[in-house]
Amino acid sequence: MGAVSITGEISLVWHDNDPYGGEVLLISLDTDEPLAMNTFEIGGPLVERLSGVLEEGLRVRVDCRSETVEVVNIENGETSDKDQPVVVDLVVLPAP
């Protein structure tokens, strides 16, 4: 997966604290495109910019890029690479 942009209406916003990554926002979208990725974790500087701004019902565009992470199988200790989406930006769209 390369860079992608997904648009839709926020159906859920959840604030959480990741013990390794700090404060995160979790959002779920009712996407404009059926079967598009619809759940995103937002971390880092974007959290500060978007905290208090996002609410259910807003239309947004989520820009993502792919990042390869190492995954460890806890049953046998084997490792493998997995592509994971990383949110680069989130833009609130004007109401229609």
N, C-alpha and C. Protein backbone atom coordinates (compact mmCIF):
# COMPACT_ATOMS: atom_id res chain seq x y z
N MET A 1 0.86 -1.18 0.00
CA MET A 1 0.00 0.00 0.00
C MET A 1 0.90 1.23 0.00
N GLY A 2 0.63 2.17 -0.88
CA GLY A 2 1.35 3.44 -0.90
C GLY A 2 0.58 4.46 -0.09
N ALA A 3 0.66 5.71 -0.49
CA ALA A 3 -0.10 6.77 0.18
C ALA A 3 -1.55 6.73 -0.31
N VAL A 4 -2.49 6.86 0.62
CA VAL A 4 -3.91 6.86 0.28
C VAL A 4 -4.62 7.94 1.09
N SER A 5 -5.74 8.41 0.55
CA SER A 5 -6.62 9.35 1.26
C SER A 5 -8.00 8.73 1.31
N ILE A 6 -8.60 8.77 2.48
CA ILE A 6 -9.92 8.17 2.69
C ILE A 6 -10.82 9.23 3.29
N THR A 7 -12.01 9.39 2.72
CA THR A 7 -12.96 10.38 3.23
C THR A 7 -14.18 9.68 3.81
N GLY A 8 -14.80 10.37 4.76
CA GLY A 8 -16.00 9.83 5.36
C GLY A 8 -16.43 10.66 6.55
N GLU A 9 -17.47 10.18 7.22
CA GLU A 9 -18.02 10.85 8.39
C GLU A 9 -17.56 10.11 9.64
N ILE A 10 -17.10 10.85 10.63
CA ILE A 10 -16.65 10.23 11.88
C ILE A 10 -17.85 9.61 12.60
N SER A 11 -17.76 8.32 12.89
CA SER A 11 -18.82 7.65 13.64
C SER A 11 -18.42 7.42 15.09
N LEU A 12 -17.10 7.46 15.38
CA LEU A 12 -16.64 7.26 16.75
C LEU A 12 -15.29 7.92 16.94
N VAL A 13 -15.12 8.63 18.05
CA VAL A 13 -13.83 9.22 18.44
C VAL A 13 -13.54 8.72 19.86
N TRP A 14 -12.34 8.21 20.06
CA TRP A 14 -11.97 7.67 21.37
C TRP A 14 -10.58 8.16 21.72
N HIS A 15 -10.40 8.71 22.90
CA HIS A 15 -9.10 9.14 23.40
C HIS A 15 -8.54 8.00 24.24
N ASP A 16 -7.26 7.70 24.07
CA ASP A 16 -6.64 6.63 24.84
C ASP A 16 -5.20 7.02 25.15
N ASN A 17 -4.59 6.29 26.06
CA ASN A 17 -3.20 6.52 26.41
C ASN A 17 -2.45 5.21 26.20
N ASP A 18 -1.61 5.16 25.17
CA ASP A 18 -0.80 3.99 24.87
C ASP A 18 0.42 4.02 25.78
N PRO A 19 0.70 2.92 26.50
CA PRO A 19 1.84 2.93 27.42
C PRO A 19 3.19 3.16 26.73
N TYR A 20 3.27 2.88 25.43
CA TYR A 20 4.52 3.05 24.68
C TYR A 20 4.52 4.31 23.83
N GLY A 21 3.35 4.68 23.31
CA GLY A 21 3.29 5.79 22.36
C GLY A 21 2.68 7.07 22.88
N GLY A 22 2.21 7.08 24.12
CA GLY A 22 1.58 8.28 24.67
C GLY A 22 0.12 8.41 24.25
N GLU A 23 -0.36 9.63 24.27
CA GLU A 23 -1.77 9.90 23.95
C GLU A 23 -2.06 9.59 22.48
N VAL A 24 -3.19 8.91 22.25
CA VAL A 24 -3.63 8.60 20.89
C VAL A 24 -5.12 8.90 20.75
N LEU A 25 -5.52 9.18 19.53
CA LEU A 25 -6.93 9.30 19.17
C LEU A 25 -7.26 8.12 18.28
N LEU A 26 -8.34 7.45 18.57
CA LEU A 26 -8.83 6.37 17.72
C LEU A 26 -10.10 6.87 17.07
N ILE A 27 -10.18 6.77 15.74
CA ILE A 27 -11.40 7.19 15.06
C ILE A 27 -11.88 6.10 14.13
N SER A 28 -13.19 6.06 13.98
CA SER A 28 -13.82 5.15 13.05
C SER A 28 -14.68 5.99 12.12
N LEU A 29 -14.64 5.67 10.83
CA LEU A 29 -15.37 6.44 9.82
C LEU A 29 -16.45 5.60 9.14
N ASP A 30 -17.53 6.27 8.78
CA ASP A 30 -18.45 5.73 7.78
C ASP A 30 -17.90 6.27 6.47
N THR A 31 -17.16 5.43 5.75
CA THR A 31 -16.41 5.89 4.58
C THR A 31 -17.31 6.10 3.36
N ASP A 32 -16.86 7.01 2.48
CA ASP A 32 -17.57 7.27 1.23
C ASP A 32 -17.44 6.09 0.28
N GLU A 33 -16.33 5.39 0.38
CA GLU A 33 -16.06 4.26 -0.51
C GLU A 33 -16.29 2.96 0.26
N PRO A 34 -17.23 2.11 -0.22
CA PRO A 34 -17.48 0.84 0.48
C PRO A 34 -16.19 0.01 0.58
N LEU A 35 -16.04 -0.66 1.70
CA LEU A 35 -14.91 -1.57 1.98
C LEU A 35 -13.56 -0.86 2.14
N ALA A 36 -13.55 0.47 2.21
CA ALA A 36 -12.30 1.19 2.46
C ALA A 36 -11.92 1.01 3.93
N MET A 37 -10.64 1.15 4.21
CA MET A 37 -10.18 1.11 5.59
C MET A 37 -10.96 2.16 6.37
N ASN A 38 -11.42 1.81 7.59
CA ASN A 38 -12.30 2.75 8.30
C ASN A 38 -11.93 3.01 9.76
N THR A 39 -10.87 2.39 10.25
CA THR A 39 -10.46 2.60 11.64
C THR A 39 -9.01 3.07 11.66
N PHE A 40 -8.75 4.15 12.40
CA PHE A 40 -7.43 4.77 12.38
C PHE A 40 -6.97 5.12 13.78
N GLU A 41 -5.66 5.00 14.00
CA GLU A 41 -5.04 5.43 15.24
C GLU A 41 -4.16 6.63 14.91
N ILE A 42 -4.39 7.72 15.62
CA ILE A 42 -3.64 8.96 15.37
C ILE A 42 -2.77 9.22 16.59
N GLY A 43 -1.47 9.41 16.34
CA GLY A 43 -0.55 9.66 17.45
C GLY A 43 0.36 10.84 17.13
N GLY A 44 1.28 11.10 18.05
CA GLY A 44 2.28 12.13 17.84
C GLY A 44 1.71 13.54 17.84
N PRO A 45 2.34 14.43 17.05
CA PRO A 45 1.94 15.84 17.03
C PRO A 45 0.50 16.06 16.53
N LEU A 46 -0.01 15.12 15.73
CA LEU A 46 -1.39 15.26 15.24
C LEU A 46 -2.40 15.23 16.38
N VAL A 47 -2.10 14.47 17.43
CA VAL A 47 -3.03 14.39 18.57
C VAL A 47 -3.22 15.76 19.19
N GLU A 48 -2.13 16.48 19.39
CA GLU A 48 -2.22 17.82 19.99
C GLU A 48 -3.06 18.75 19.12
N ARG A 49 -2.85 18.68 17.81
CA ARG A 49 -3.56 19.56 16.89
C ARG A 49 -5.05 19.23 16.81
N LEU A 50 -5.39 17.93 16.93
CA LEU A 50 -6.77 17.50 16.70
C LEU A 50 -7.58 17.30 17.97
N SER A 51 -6.93 17.25 19.14
CA SER A 51 -7.68 17.06 20.40
C SER A 51 -8.67 18.20 20.58
N GLY A 52 -9.90 17.83 20.88
CA GLY A 52 -10.95 18.83 21.09
C GLY A 52 -11.58 19.33 19.81
N VAL A 53 -11.01 18.99 18.65
CA VAL A 53 -11.53 19.44 17.36
C VAL A 53 -12.47 18.40 16.75
N LEU A 54 -12.10 17.12 16.89
CA LEU A 54 -12.86 16.06 16.25
C LEU A 54 -14.07 15.66 17.08
N GLU A 55 -15.17 15.43 16.37
CA GLU A 55 -16.38 14.95 17.02
C GLU A 55 -17.16 14.11 16.03
N GLU A 56 -18.01 13.27 16.56
CA GLU A 56 -18.82 12.41 15.71
C GLU A 56 -19.69 13.26 14.80
N GLY A 57 -19.81 12.82 13.54
CA GLY A 57 -20.62 13.52 12.57
C GLY A 57 -19.84 14.43 11.63
N LEU A 58 -18.60 14.78 11.97
CA LEU A 58 -17.78 15.61 11.09
C LEU A 58 -17.32 14.81 9.87
N ARG A 59 -17.26 15.48 8.73
CA ARG A 59 -16.68 14.86 7.53
C ARG A 59 -15.20 15.17 7.51
N VAL A 60 -14.39 14.15 7.25
CA VAL A 60 -12.94 14.31 7.27
C VAL A 60 -12.29 13.56 6.11
N ARG A 61 -11.05 13.95 5.84
CA ARG A 61 -10.19 13.20 4.92
C ARG A 61 -8.98 12.76 5.74
N VAL A 62 -8.70 11.46 5.71
CA VAL A 62 -7.55 10.90 6.43
C VAL A 62 -6.51 10.52 5.38
N ASP A 63 -5.31 11.10 5.51
CA ASP A 63 -4.20 10.77 4.62
C ASP A 63 -3.28 9.80 5.34
N CYS A 64 -3.01 8.66 4.70
CA CYS A 64 -2.19 7.61 5.31
C CYS A 64 -1.06 7.22 4.38
N ARG A 65 -0.01 6.67 4.99
CA ARG A 65 1.07 6.04 4.23
C ARG A 65 1.33 4.70 4.88
N SER A 66 1.99 3.84 4.16
CA SER A 66 2.29 2.51 4.66
C SER A 66 3.63 2.51 5.38
N GLU A 67 3.69 1.78 6.49
CA GLU A 67 4.95 1.62 7.23
C GLU A 67 5.10 0.14 7.55
N THR A 68 6.30 -0.37 7.35
CA THR A 68 6.57 -1.78 7.64
C THR A 68 7.01 -1.92 9.08
N VAL A 69 6.34 -2.81 9.82
CA VAL A 69 6.69 -3.07 11.22
C VAL A 69 6.99 -4.56 11.39
N GLU A 70 7.80 -4.87 12.38
CA GLU A 70 8.12 -6.26 12.67
C GLU A 70 7.10 -6.80 13.67
N VAL A 71 6.55 -7.97 13.36
CA VAL A 71 5.55 -8.61 14.20
C VAL A 71 6.16 -9.90 14.74
N VAL A 72 5.96 -10.15 16.05
CA VAL A 72 6.49 -11.35 16.68
C VAL A 72 5.34 -12.29 17.00
N ASN A 73 5.45 -13.53 16.56
CA ASN A 73 4.47 -14.57 16.88
C ASN A 73 4.76 -15.03 18.31
N ILE A 74 3.83 -14.79 19.25
CA ILE A 74 4.10 -15.11 20.65
C ILE A 74 4.14 -16.61 20.91
N GLU A 75 3.58 -17.41 20.02
CA GLU A 75 3.57 -18.86 20.21
C GLU A 75 4.92 -19.49 19.92
N ASN A 76 5.63 -18.99 18.88
CA ASN A 76 6.89 -19.64 18.52
C ASN A 76 8.07 -18.68 18.42
N GLY A 77 7.85 -17.39 18.65
CA GLY A 77 8.94 -16.42 18.63
C GLY A 77 9.40 -15.99 17.25
N GLU A 78 8.79 -16.52 16.19
CA GLU A 78 9.18 -16.14 14.84
C GLU A 78 8.73 -14.71 14.56
N THR A 79 9.52 -14.03 13.74
CA THR A 79 9.18 -12.65 13.37
C THR A 79 8.84 -12.58 11.88
N SER A 80 8.04 -11.60 11.56
CA SER A 80 7.70 -11.34 10.15
C SER A 80 7.42 -9.85 10.01
N ASP A 81 7.45 -9.37 8.78
CA ASP A 81 7.14 -7.97 8.50
C ASP A 81 5.68 -7.83 8.10
N LYS A 82 5.08 -6.71 8.51
CA LYS A 82 3.68 -6.44 8.19
C LYS A 82 3.56 -4.97 7.81
N ASP A 83 2.83 -4.67 6.74
CA ASP A 83 2.56 -3.29 6.38
C ASP A 83 1.39 -2.78 7.22
N GLN A 84 1.58 -1.59 7.77
CA GLN A 84 0.58 -1.00 8.65
C GLN A 84 0.35 0.44 8.23
N PRO A 85 -0.92 0.88 8.19
CA PRO A 85 -1.17 2.28 7.82
C PRO A 85 -0.79 3.24 8.95
N VAL A 86 -0.19 4.37 8.58
CA VAL A 86 0.16 5.41 9.54
C VAL A 86 -0.52 6.69 9.07
N VAL A 87 -1.27 7.33 9.97
CA VAL A 87 -1.96 8.56 9.62
C VAL A 87 -0.94 9.70 9.56
N VAL A 88 -0.86 10.34 8.38
CA VAL A 88 0.05 11.46 8.15
C VAL A 88 -0.66 12.79 8.42
N ASP A 89 -1.95 12.86 8.06
CA ASP A 89 -2.71 14.09 8.28
C ASP A 89 -4.18 13.76 8.31
N LEU A 90 -4.96 14.63 8.95
CA LEU A 90 -6.40 14.53 8.97
C LEU A 90 -6.94 15.94 8.77
N VAL A 91 -7.83 16.09 7.80
CA VAL A 91 -8.38 17.40 7.46
C VAL A 91 -9.90 17.34 7.62
N VAL A 92 -10.45 18.30 8.38
CA VAL A 92 -11.90 18.42 8.51
C VAL A 92 -12.41 19.08 7.24
N LEU A 93 -13.39 18.46 6.61
CA LEU A 93 -13.95 18.95 5.36
C LEU A 93 -15.16 19.85 5.63
N PRO A 94 -15.41 20.79 4.74
CA PRO A 94 -16.58 21.66 4.92
C PRO A 94 -17.88 20.85 4.81
N ALA A 95 -18.89 21.29 5.54
CA ALA A 95 -20.20 20.63 5.47
C ALA A 95 -20.77 20.79 4.06
N PRO A 96 -21.45 19.75 3.57
CA PRO A 96 -22.01 19.84 2.21
C PRO A 96 -23.13 20.84 2.10
